[in-house]
Amino acid sequence: MSTLDSVEAGDHVCWLVGPDDDFAVTARAFAADGALFGDKVLVIGTPDTRWSLGGAAQGVVLDPVAERAGGSVWDAAALLETVRREADAACRQGFRALRVLARMDRVWPGGASPREIARHELGLDDLVLAGAAVVVCAYHQVGFRPAALDQAVGVHPQQLGTRAEVPGFRMYSAGTDCWSVSGVVDFEGAEAFRTALDALVARSATVRLRCQDLELVDVAGMRALADAARGVPGRRIVVENTDETFRRCWSLLGYDVPQIPVELAP
């Protein structure tokens, strides 16, 4: 995405904020669009009046750092619950949708690991798809390690901003316990792919991966898939829409065995 002007309900955007980006201007415009479209605005970050509500008629501003200082337990799980609660409230109050802007460096002031980011963002993506919300997660590049930023991009359907290197794949919710995977999973992205899969199998007994838009999975990617599937007992991964090349390679690598609970579905 080149701007946030075109976001709609159901969008979940990773905004990579560079050191030269004018965060205040973009954030203020995003919040102001809430008034234009009849959205309720939820801002999670520094309660700065220069941009926080941007003229929106009604909104909520929360600063995780201030909340913690006041004795509240505020973490990524609290963000998820806040979005769920405010989305339900916005629906009851007659708003078109809940419009969320979250400064992730305020949610994780000391940074976050790729595993933490994958677990949180995949859960949030599932929530965004199920409800009437548009969520923009702003990751300031100076506040997170490169591997964490790569992971954040890989588990968002949309992206604003650029990095020199980003994962070649994207994974995002396509329904209950069902996830769309697109792009390329190769040696460079295999670790991020495994991290995302680990987050999914930790929460669901069966995970379905829709791969009709997946262009390529190399040996490292297949190994990541196999290791994630057998990493937690009692879990199963169903891979849909694989081509003949994928099936042949999977068999040649010796992964087509009962000990690896991966099903290659039509």
C-alpha atoms as a PDB file:
ATOM      1  CA  MET A   1       0.000   0.000   0.000  1.00  0.00           C
ATOM      2  CA  SER A   2       1.256   3.500  -0.787  1.00  0.00           C
ATOM      3  CA  THR A   3      -1.071   5.247   1.701  1.00  0.00           C
ATOM      4  CA  LEU A   4      -3.705   4.383   4.305  1.00  0.00           C
ATOM      5  CA  ASP A   5      -6.413   6.216   2.365  1.00  0.00           C
ATOM      6  CA  SER A   6      -7.871   3.056   0.821  1.00  0.00           C
ATOM      7  CA  VAL A   7      -8.139   0.850   3.916  1.00  0.00           C
ATOM      8  CA  GLU A   8     -11.497  -0.795   4.553  1.00  0.00           C
ATOM      9  CA  ALA A   9     -13.165  -2.824   7.296  1.00  0.00           C
ATOM     10  CA  GLY A  10     -11.462  -6.214   7.439  1.00  0.00           C
ATOM     11  CA  ASP A  11      -8.016  -4.828   6.571  1.00  0.00           C
ATOM     12  CA  HIS A  12      -5.059  -5.549   8.851  1.00  0.00           C
ATOM     13  CA  VAL A  13      -2.059  -3.442   7.868  1.00  0.00           C
ATOM     14  CA  CYS A  14       1.562  -3.581   8.972  1.00  0.00           C
ATOM     15  CA  TRP A  15       2.886  -0.017   8.821  1.00  0.00           C
ATOM     16  CA  LEU A  16       6.685   0.010   8.830  1.00  0.00           C
ATOM     17  CA  VAL A  17       7.466   3.510  10.087  1.00  0.00           C
ATOM     18  CA  GLY A  18      10.863   4.666   8.879  1.00  0.00           C
ATOM     19  CA  PRO A  19      13.050   7.220  10.665  1.00  0.00           C
ATOM     20  CA  ASP A  20      12.218   9.868   8.057  1.00  0.00           C
ATOM     21  CA  ASP A  21       8.453   9.197   7.947  1.00  0.00           C
ATOM     22  CA  ASP A  22       6.091  11.815   9.351  1.00  0.00           C
ATOM     23  CA  PHE A  23       4.148   9.551  11.654  1.00  0.00           C
ATOM     24  CA  ALA A  24       1.990  12.352  13.085  1.00  0.00           C
ATOM     25  CA  VAL A  25       0.663  13.506   9.700  1.00  0.00           C
ATOM     26  CA  THR A  26      -0.233  10.021   8.462  1.00  0.00           C
ATOM     27  CA  ALA A  27      -1.762   9.005  11.789  1.00  0.00           C
ATOM     28  CA  ARG A  28      -3.832  12.172  12.024  1.00  0.00           C
ATOM     29  CA  ALA A  29      -5.226  11.646   8.516  1.00  0.00           C
ATOM     30  CA  PHE A  30      -6.056   8.022   9.284  1.00  0.00           C
ATOM     31  CA  ALA A  31      -7.928   8.999  12.441  1.00  0.00           C
ATOM     32  CA  ALA A  32      -9.701  11.897  10.702  1.00  0.00           C
ATOM     33  CA  ASP A  33     -11.028   9.483   8.083  1.00  0.00           C
ATOM     34  CA  GLY A  34     -12.885   7.837  10.943  1.00  0.00           C
ATOM     35  CA  ALA A  35     -15.135  10.884  11.211  1.00  0.00           C
ATOM     36  CA  LEU A  36     -15.616  10.927   7.450  1.00  0.00           C
ATOM     37  CA  PHE A  37     -16.686   7.279   7.197  1.00  0.00           C
ATOM     38  CA  GLY A  38     -18.550   6.994  10.483  1.00  0.00           C
ATOM     39  CA  ASP A  39     -16.009   4.836  12.291  1.00  0.00           C
ATOM     40  CA  LYS A  40     -15.212   4.696  15.968  1.00  0.00           C
ATOM     41  CA  VAL A  41     -11.507   5.391  16.488  1.00  0.00           C
ATOM     42  CA  LEU A  42      -9.285   3.483  18.892  1.00  0.00           C
ATOM     43  CA  VAL A  43      -5.747   4.820  19.298  1.00  0.00           C
ATOM     44  CA  ILE A  44      -3.226   2.722  21.214  1.00  0.00           C
ATOM     45  CA  GLY A  45      -0.074   4.707  21.803  1.00  0.00           C
ATOM     46  CA  THR A  46       1.083   8.071  23.093  1.00  0.00           C
ATOM     47  CA  PRO A  47      -1.993  10.235  23.797  1.00  0.00           C
ATOM     48  CA  ASP A  48      -0.713  13.126  21.714  1.00  0.00           C
ATOM     49  CA  THR A  49      -3.499  15.545  20.761  1.00  0.00           C
ATOM     50  CA  ARG A  50      -1.635  16.531  17.590  1.00  0.00           C
ATOM     51  CA  TRP A  51      -2.700  13.284  15.964  1.00  0.00           C
ATOM     52  CA  SER A  52      -4.499  10.975  18.354  1.00  0.00           C
ATOM     53  CA  LEU A  53      -8.132  11.457  17.293  1.00  0.00           C
ATOM     54  CA  GLY A  54      -7.683  13.707  14.285  1.00  0.00           C
ATOM     55  CA  GLY A  55     -11.133  15.299  14.531  1.00  0.00           C
ATOM     56  CA  ALA A  56     -13.004  12.007  14.970  1.00  0.00           C
ATOM     57  CA  ALA A  57     -16.310  12.611  16.732  1.00  0.00           C
ATOM     58  CA  GLN A  58     -15.884   9.754  19.144  1.00  0.00           C
ATOM     59  CA  GLY A  59     -12.880   7.694  20.049  1.00  0.00           C
ATOM     60  CA  VAL A  60     -10.770   6.032  22.704  1.00  0.00           C
ATOM     61  CA  VAL A  61      -7.107   6.741  23.438  1.00  0.00           C
ATOM     62  CA  LEU A  62      -5.025   4.308  25.485  1.00  0.00           C
ATOM     63  CA  ASP A  63      -1.324   4.522  26.287  1.00  0.00           C
ATOM     64  CA  PRO A  64       0.033   1.116  27.366  1.00  0.00           C
ATOM     65  CA  VAL A  65       3.088   2.709  29.005  1.00  0.00           C
ATOM     66  CA  ALA A  66       0.914   5.011  31.127  1.00  0.00           C
ATOM     67  CA  GLU A  67      -1.465   2.149  31.922  1.00  0.00           C
ATOM     68  CA  ARG A  68       1.412   0.066  33.257  1.00  0.00           C
ATOM     69  CA  ALA A  69       2.715   2.989  35.273  1.00  0.00           C
ATOM     70  CA  GLY A  70      -0.733   3.221  36.858  1.00  0.00           C
ATOM     71  CA  GLY A  71      -0.593  -0.411  37.943  1.00  0.00           C
ATOM     72  CA  SER A  72      -2.595  -2.022  35.136  1.00  0.00           C
ATOM     73  CA  VAL A  73      -1.474  -5.200  33.391  1.00  0.00           C
ATOM     74  CA  TRP A  74      -1.140  -4.099  29.762  1.00  0.00           C
ATOM     75  CA  ASP A  75       0.407  -6.311  27.115  1.00  0.00           C
ATOM     76  CA  ALA A  76      -0.346  -7.707  23.658  1.00  0.00           C
ATOM     77  CA  ALA A  77      -3.131  -9.872  25.094  1.00  0.00           C
ATOM     78  CA  ALA A  78      -4.715  -6.735  26.562  1.00  0.00           C
ATOM     79  CA  LEU A  79      -4.548  -5.091  23.123  1.00  0.00           C
ATOM     80  CA  LEU A  80      -6.387  -8.057  21.601  1.00  0.00           C
ATOM     81  CA  GLU A  81      -9.091  -7.949  24.262  1.00  0.00           C
ATOM     82  CA  THR A  82      -9.431  -4.159  23.915  1.00  0.00           C
ATOM     83  CA  VAL A  83      -9.949  -4.427  20.142  1.00  0.00           C
ATOM     84  CA  ARG A  84     -12.519  -7.200  20.636  1.00  0.00           C
ATOM     85  CA  ARG A  85     -14.413  -5.199  23.276  1.00  0.00           C
ATOM     86  CA  GLU A  86     -14.378  -1.901  21.372  1.00  0.00           C
ATOM     87  CA  ALA A  87     -15.391  -3.583  18.089  1.00  0.00           C
ATOM     88  CA  ASP A  88     -18.447  -5.034  19.826  1.00  0.00           C
ATOM     89  CA  ALA A  89     -19.223  -1.631  21.381  1.00  0.00           C
ATOM     90  CA  ALA A  90     -18.838   0.181  18.037  1.00  0.00           C
ATOM     91  CA  CYS A  91     -21.357  -2.193  16.459  1.00  0.00           C
ATOM     92  CA  ARG A  92     -23.884  -1.611  19.247  1.00  0.00           C
ATOM     93  CA  GLN A  93     -23.341   2.153  19.087  1.00  0.00           C
ATOM     94  CA  GLY A  94     -24.141   2.294  15.370  1.00  0.00           C
ATOM     95  CA  PHE A  95     -20.683   2.961  13.949  1.00  0.00           C
ATOM     96  CA  ARG A  96     -19.717   1.533  10.559  1.00  0.00           C
ATOM     97  CA  ALA A  97     -16.595  -0.090  12.002  1.00  0.00           C
ATOM     98  CA  LEU A  98     -13.854   0.199  14.585  1.00  0.00           C
ATOM     99  CA  ARG A  99     -10.772   1.981  13.249  1.00  0.00           C
ATOM    100  CA  VAL A 100      -7.630   1.052  15.186  1.00  0.00           C
ATOM    101  CA  LEU A 101      -4.141   2.532  15.108  1.00  0.00           C
ATOM    102  CA  ALA A 102      -1.659   0.802  17.436  1.00  0.00           C
ATOM    103  CA  ARG A 103       1.888   1.996  18.063  1.00  0.00           C
ATOM    104  CA  MET A 104       3.564  -1.322  18.684  1.00  0.00           C
ATOM    105  CA  ASP A 105       6.623   0.264  20.282  1.00  0.00           C
ATOM    106  CA  ARG A 106       4.271   1.368  23.089  1.00  0.00           C
ATOM    107  CA  VAL A 107       2.787  -2.125  23.379  1.00  0.00           C
ATOM    108  CA  TRP A 108       6.306  -3.616  23.497  1.00  0.00           C
ATOM    109  CA  PRO A 109       8.549  -0.763  24.732  1.00  0.00           C
ATOM    110  CA  GLY A 110      11.579  -3.057  24.860  1.00  0.00           C
ATOM    111  CA  GLY A 111      10.915  -4.687  21.500  1.00  0.00           C
ATOM    112  CA  ALA A 112       9.498  -8.160  20.888  1.00  0.00           C
ATOM    113  CA  SER A 113      10.688 -11.512  19.593  1.00  0.00           C
ATOM    114  CA  PRO A 114       9.492 -12.876  16.242  1.00  0.00           C
ATOM    115  CA  ARG A 115       7.571 -15.572  18.155  1.00  0.00           C
ATOM    116  CA  GLU A 116       5.707 -12.987  20.241  1.00  0.00           C
ATOM    117  CA  ILE A 117       4.855 -10.968  17.145  1.00  0.00           C
ATOM    118  CA  ALA A 118       3.624 -13.992  15.171  1.00  0.00           C
ATOM    119  CA  ARG A 119       1.415 -15.203  18.010  1.00  0.00           C
ATOM    120  CA  HIS A 120      -0.105 -11.760  18.584  1.00  0.00           C
ATOM    121  CA  GLU A 121      -0.612 -10.673  14.969  1.00  0.00           C
ATOM    122  CA  LEU A 122      -2.096 -13.967  13.806  1.00  0.00           C
ATOM    123  CA  GLY A 123      -4.582 -13.788  16.669  1.00  0.00           C
ATOM    124  CA  LEU A 124      -5.395 -10.187  15.809  1.00  0.00           C
ATOM    125  CA  ASP A 125      -5.797 -11.024  12.123  1.00  0.00           C
ATOM    126  CA  ASP A 126      -8.306 -13.728  13.025  1.00  0.00           C
ATOM    127  CA  LEU A 127     -10.235 -11.162  15.079  1.00  0.00           C
ATOM    128  CA  VAL A 128     -10.156  -8.506  12.340  1.00  0.00           C
ATOM    129  CA  LEU A 129     -11.548 -10.951   9.775  1.00  0.00           C
ATOM    130  CA  ALA A 130     -14.377 -11.986  12.085  1.00  0.00           C
ATOM    131  CA  GLY A 131     -15.443  -8.454  13.069  1.00  0.00           C
ATOM    132  CA  ALA A 132     -16.081  -5.056  11.565  1.00  0.00           C
ATOM    133  CA  ALA A 133     -12.678  -3.488  12.190  1.00  0.00           C
ATOM    134  CA  VAL A 134      -9.743  -2.014  10.330  1.00  0.00           C
ATOM    135  CA  VAL A 135      -6.463  -2.299  12.212  1.00  0.00           C
ATOM    136  CA  VAL A 136      -3.134  -0.626  11.464  1.00  0.00           C
ATOM    137  CA  CYS A 137      -0.153  -1.859  13.498  1.00  0.00           C
ATOM    138  CA  ALA A 138       2.604   0.752  13.368  1.00  0.00           C
ATOM    139  CA  TYR A 139       6.062  -0.779  13.808  1.00  0.00           C
ATOM    140  CA  HIS A 140       8.694   1.927  14.160  1.00  0.00           C
ATOM    141  CA  GLN A 141      11.790   0.453  12.561  1.00  0.00           C
ATOM    142  CA  VAL A 142      14.143   1.953  15.145  1.00  0.00           C
ATOM    143  CA  GLY A 143      12.304   0.113  17.938  1.00  0.00           C
ATOM    144  CA  PHE A 144      12.434  -3.472  16.646  1.00  0.00           C
ATOM    145  CA  ARG A 145      15.147  -5.825  15.456  1.00  0.00           C
ATOM    146  CA  PRO A 146      15.213  -6.688  11.729  1.00  0.00           C
ATOM    147  CA  ALA A 147      14.047 -10.273  12.317  1.00  0.00           C
ATOM    148  CA  ALA A 148      11.060  -9.004  14.312  1.00  0.00           C
ATOM    149  CA  LEU A 149      10.102  -6.571  11.557  1.00  0.00           C
ATOM    150  CA  ASP A 150      10.381  -9.302   8.920  1.00  0.00           C
ATOM    151  CA  GLN A 151       8.094 -11.494  10.993  1.00  0.00           C
ATOM    152  CA  ALA A 152       5.572  -8.676  11.400  1.00  0.00           C
ATOM    153  CA  VAL A 153       5.357  -8.150   7.648  1.00  0.00           C
ATOM    154  CA  GLY A 154       4.910 -11.867   6.971  1.00  0.00           C
ATOM    155  CA  VAL A 155       1.817 -12.185   9.171  1.00  0.00           C
ATOM    156  CA  HIS A 156      -0.090  -9.146   7.883  1.00  0.00           C
ATOM    157  CA  PRO A 157      -2.242  -9.206   4.733  1.00  0.00           C
ATOM    158  CA  GLN A 158      -1.269  -5.614   3.839  1.00  0.00           C
ATOM    159  CA  GLN A 159       1.850  -3.494   4.272  1.00  0.00           C
ATOM    160  CA  LEU A 160       2.658   0.209   4.220  1.00  0.00           C
ATOM    161  CA  GLY A 161       6.303   1.249   4.126  1.00  0.00           C
ATOM    162  CA  THR A 162       9.339  -0.669   2.955  1.00  0.00           C
ATOM    163  CA  ARG A 163      12.444  -2.439   4.151  1.00  0.00           C
ATOM    164  CA  ALA A 164      15.510  -3.524   2.229  1.00  0.00           C
ATOM    165  CA  GLU A 165      14.525  -7.167   2.785  1.00  0.00           C
ATOM    166  CA  VAL A 166      11.125  -8.591   3.660  1.00  0.00           C
ATOM    167  CA  PRO A 167       9.868 -12.203   3.851  1.00  0.00           C
ATOM    168  CA  GLY A 168       8.798 -13.621   0.512  1.00  0.00           C
ATOM    169  CA  PHE A 169       5.594 -15.093   1.974  1.00  0.00           C
ATOM    170  CA  ARG A 170       2.460 -13.814   3.659  1.00  0.00           C
ATOM    171  CA  MET A 171       0.174 -15.725   5.995  1.00  0.00           C
ATOM    172  CA  TYR A 172      -3.202 -14.376   7.059  1.00  0.00           C
ATOM    173  CA  SER A 173      -6.597 -15.567   8.277  1.00  0.00           C
ATOM    174  CA  ALA A 174      -9.028 -17.049   5.760  1.00  0.00           C
ATOM    175  CA  GLY A 175     -11.572 -18.289   8.312  1.00  0.00           C
ATOM    176  CA  THR A 176     -11.686 -20.245  11.548  1.00  0.00           C
ATOM    177  CA  ASP A 177      -8.408 -22.205  11.868  1.00  0.00           C
ATOM    178  CA  CYS A 178      -7.833 -21.607   8.151  1.00  0.00           C
ATOM    179  CA  TRP A 179      -4.945 -19.515   6.805  1.00  0.00           C
ATOM    180  CA  SER A 180      -4.004 -18.306   3.354  1.00  0.00           C
ATOM    181  CA  VAL A 181      -0.328 -18.574   2.411  1.00  0.00           C
ATOM    182  CA  SER A 182       1.046 -16.723  -0.603  1.00  0.00           C
ATOM    183  CA  GLY A 183       4.389 -15.863  -2.166  1.00  0.00           C
ATOM    184  CA  VAL A 184       7.608 -17.846  -1.746  1.00  0.00           C
ATOM    185  CA  VAL A 185       8.856 -19.834   1.242  1.00  0.00           C
ATOM    186  CA  ASP A 186      12.566 -20.390   0.719  1.00  0.00           C
ATOM    187  CA  PHE A 187      15.705 -20.564   2.862  1.00  0.00           C
ATOM    188  CA  GLU A 188      15.541 -16.851   3.741  1.00  0.00           C
ATOM    189  CA  GLY A 189      11.933 -16.979   4.921  1.00  0.00           C
ATOM    190  CA  ALA A 190      11.806 -20.509   6.350  1.00  0.00           C
ATOM    191  CA  GLU A 191      12.513 -19.455   9.932  1.00  0.00           C
ATOM    192  CA  ALA A 192       9.755 -16.823   9.905  1.00  0.00           C
ATOM    193  CA  PHE A 193       7.413 -19.370   8.282  1.00  0.00           C
ATOM    194  CA  ARG A 194       8.185 -21.928  11.014  1.00  0.00           C
ATOM    195  CA  THR A 195       7.613 -19.309  13.720  1.00  0.00           C
ATOM    196  CA  ALA A 196       4.192 -18.463  12.274  1.00  0.00           C
ATOM    197  CA  LEU A 197       3.242 -22.140  12.013  1.00  0.00           C
ATOM    198  CA  ASP A 198       4.327 -22.778  15.602  1.00  0.00           C
ATOM    199  CA  ALA A 199       1.981 -20.004  16.723  1.00  0.00           C
ATOM    200  CA  LEU A 200      -0.908 -21.598  14.836  1.00  0.00           C
ATOM    201  CA  VAL A 201      -0.452 -25.206  15.977  1.00  0.00           C
ATOM    202  CA  ALA A 202      -0.110 -24.017  19.571  1.00  0.00           C
ATOM    203  CA  ARG A 203      -3.693 -22.729  19.475  1.00  0.00           C
ATOM    204  CA  SER A 204      -5.551 -25.192  17.192  1.00  0.00           C
ATOM    205  CA  ALA A 205      -5.693 -28.975  16.905  1.00  0.00           C
ATOM    206  CA  THR A 206      -6.091 -28.728  13.119  1.00  0.00           C
ATOM    207  CA  VAL A 207      -4.670 -25.926  10.996  1.00  0.00           C
ATOM    208  CA  ARG A 208      -5.679 -25.581   7.349  1.00  0.00           C
ATOM    209  CA  LEU A 209      -3.298 -23.800   4.957  1.00  0.00           C
ATOM    210  CA  ARG A 210      -4.726 -22.602   1.641  1.00  0.00           C
ATOM    211  CA  CYS A 211      -1.827 -22.476  -0.794  1.00  0.00           C
ATOM    212  CA  GLN A 212      -3.387 -21.622  -4.147  1.00  0.00           C
ATOM    213  CA  ASP A 213      -1.324 -18.399  -4.245  1.00  0.00           C
ATOM    214  CA  LEU A 214       1.879 -20.008  -2.996  1.00  0.00           C
ATOM    215  CA  GLU A 215       4.436 -19.832  -5.782  1.00  0.00           C
ATOM    216  CA  LEU A 216       7.263 -21.936  -4.351  1.00  0.00           C
ATOM    217  CA  VAL A 217       8.290 -23.889  -1.244  1.00  0.00           C
ATOM    218  CA  ASP A 218      11.889 -25.072  -1.199  1.00  0.00           C
ATOM    219  CA  VAL A 219      13.471 -27.785   0.965  1.00  0.00           C
ATOM    220  CA  ALA A 220      13.919 -25.418   3.931  1.00  0.00           C
ATOM    221  CA  GLY A 221      10.262 -24.435   3.757  1.00  0.00           C
ATOM    222  CA  MET A 222       9.088 -28.038   3.657  1.00  0.00           C
ATOM    223  CA  ARG A 223      11.334 -28.895   6.596  1.00  0.00           C
ATOM    224  CA  ALA A 224       9.808 -26.008   8.547  1.00  0.00           C
ATOM    225  CA  LEU A 225       6.324 -27.333   7.770  1.00  0.00           C
ATOM    226  CA  ALA A 226       7.203 -30.868   8.843  1.00  0.00           C
ATOM    227  CA  ASP A 227       8.930 -29.749  12.048  1.00  0.00           C
ATOM    228  CA  ALA A 228       6.019 -27.516  13.037  1.00  0.00           C
ATOM    229  CA  ALA A 229       3.504 -30.314  12.465  1.00  0.00           C
ATOM    230  CA  ARG A 230       5.311 -32.797  14.704  1.00  0.00           C
ATOM    231  CA  GLY A 231       6.393 -30.175  17.241  1.00  0.00           C
ATOM    232  CA  VAL A 232       3.192 -30.376  19.317  1.00  0.00           C
ATOM    233  CA  PRO A 233       1.589 -33.802  19.921  1.00  0.00           C
ATOM    234  CA  GLY A 234      -1.979 -34.194  18.738  1.00  0.00           C
ATOM    235  CA  ARG A 235      -1.815 -31.474  16.104  1.00  0.00           C
ATOM    236  CA  ARG A 236      -2.483 -31.754  12.361  1.00  0.00           C
ATOM    237  CA  ILE A 237      -1.790 -29.456   9.419  1.00  0.00           C
ATOM    238  CA  VAL A 238      -3.894 -29.765   6.268  1.00  0.00           C
ATOM    239  CA  VAL A 239      -2.243 -28.220   3.211  1.00  0.00           C
ATOM    240  CA  GLU A 240      -4.726 -27.414   0.451  1.00  0.00           C
ATOM    241  CA  ASN A 241      -4.209 -26.625  -3.245  1.00  0.00           C
ATOM    242  CA  THR A 242      -0.693 -28.023  -3.568  1.00  0.00           C
ATOM    243  CA  ASP A 243       0.588 -28.851  -7.037  1.00  0.00           C
ATOM    244  CA  GLU A 244       2.189 -32.074  -8.254  1.00  0.00           C
ATOM    245  CA  THR A 245       5.717 -30.714  -7.804  1.00  0.00           C
ATOM    246  CA  PHE A 246       5.056 -30.001  -4.130  1.00  0.00           C
ATOM    247  CA  ARG A 247       3.619 -33.491  -3.616  1.00  0.00           C
ATOM    248  CA  ARG A 248       6.506 -35.197  -5.361  1.00  0.00           C
ATOM    249  CA  CYS A 249       9.148 -33.278  -3.394  1.00  0.00           C
ATOM    250  CA  TRP A 250       7.313 -33.881  -0.124  1.00  0.00           C
ATOM    251  CA  SER A 251       7.403 -37.617  -0.784  1.00  0.00           C
ATOM    252  CA  LEU A 252      11.037 -37.641  -1.941  1.00  0.00           C
ATOM    253  CA  LEU A 253      12.089 -35.872   1.263  1.00  0.00           C
ATOM    254  CA  GLY A 254      10.499 -38.676   3.265  1.00  0.00           C
ATOM    255  CA  TYR A 255       7.836 -36.504   4.872  1.00  0.00           C
ATOM    256  CA  ASP A 256       4.867 -38.483   3.561  1.00  0.00           C
ATOM    257  CA  VAL A 257       4.757 -40.709   6.658  1.00  0.00           C
ATOM    258  CA  PRO A 258       2.303 -41.095   9.567  1.00  0.00           C
ATOM    259  CA  GLN A 259       4.836 -39.663  12.025  1.00  0.00           C
ATOM    260  CA  ILE A 260       4.500 -36.261  10.339  1.00  0.00           C
ATOM    261  CA  PRO A 261       0.828 -35.208  10.688  1.00  0.00           C
ATOM    262  CA  VAL A 262       0.590 -33.223   7.469  1.00  0.00           C
ATOM    263  CA  GLU A 263      -2.202 -33.986   5.003  1.00  0.00           C
ATOM    264  CA  LEU A 264      -1.880 -32.817   1.401  1.00  0.00           C
ATOM    265  CA  ALA A 265      -5.484 -32.174   0.410  1.00  0.00           C
ATOM    266  CA  PRO A 266      -6.712 -31.469  -3.153  1.00  0.00           C
END
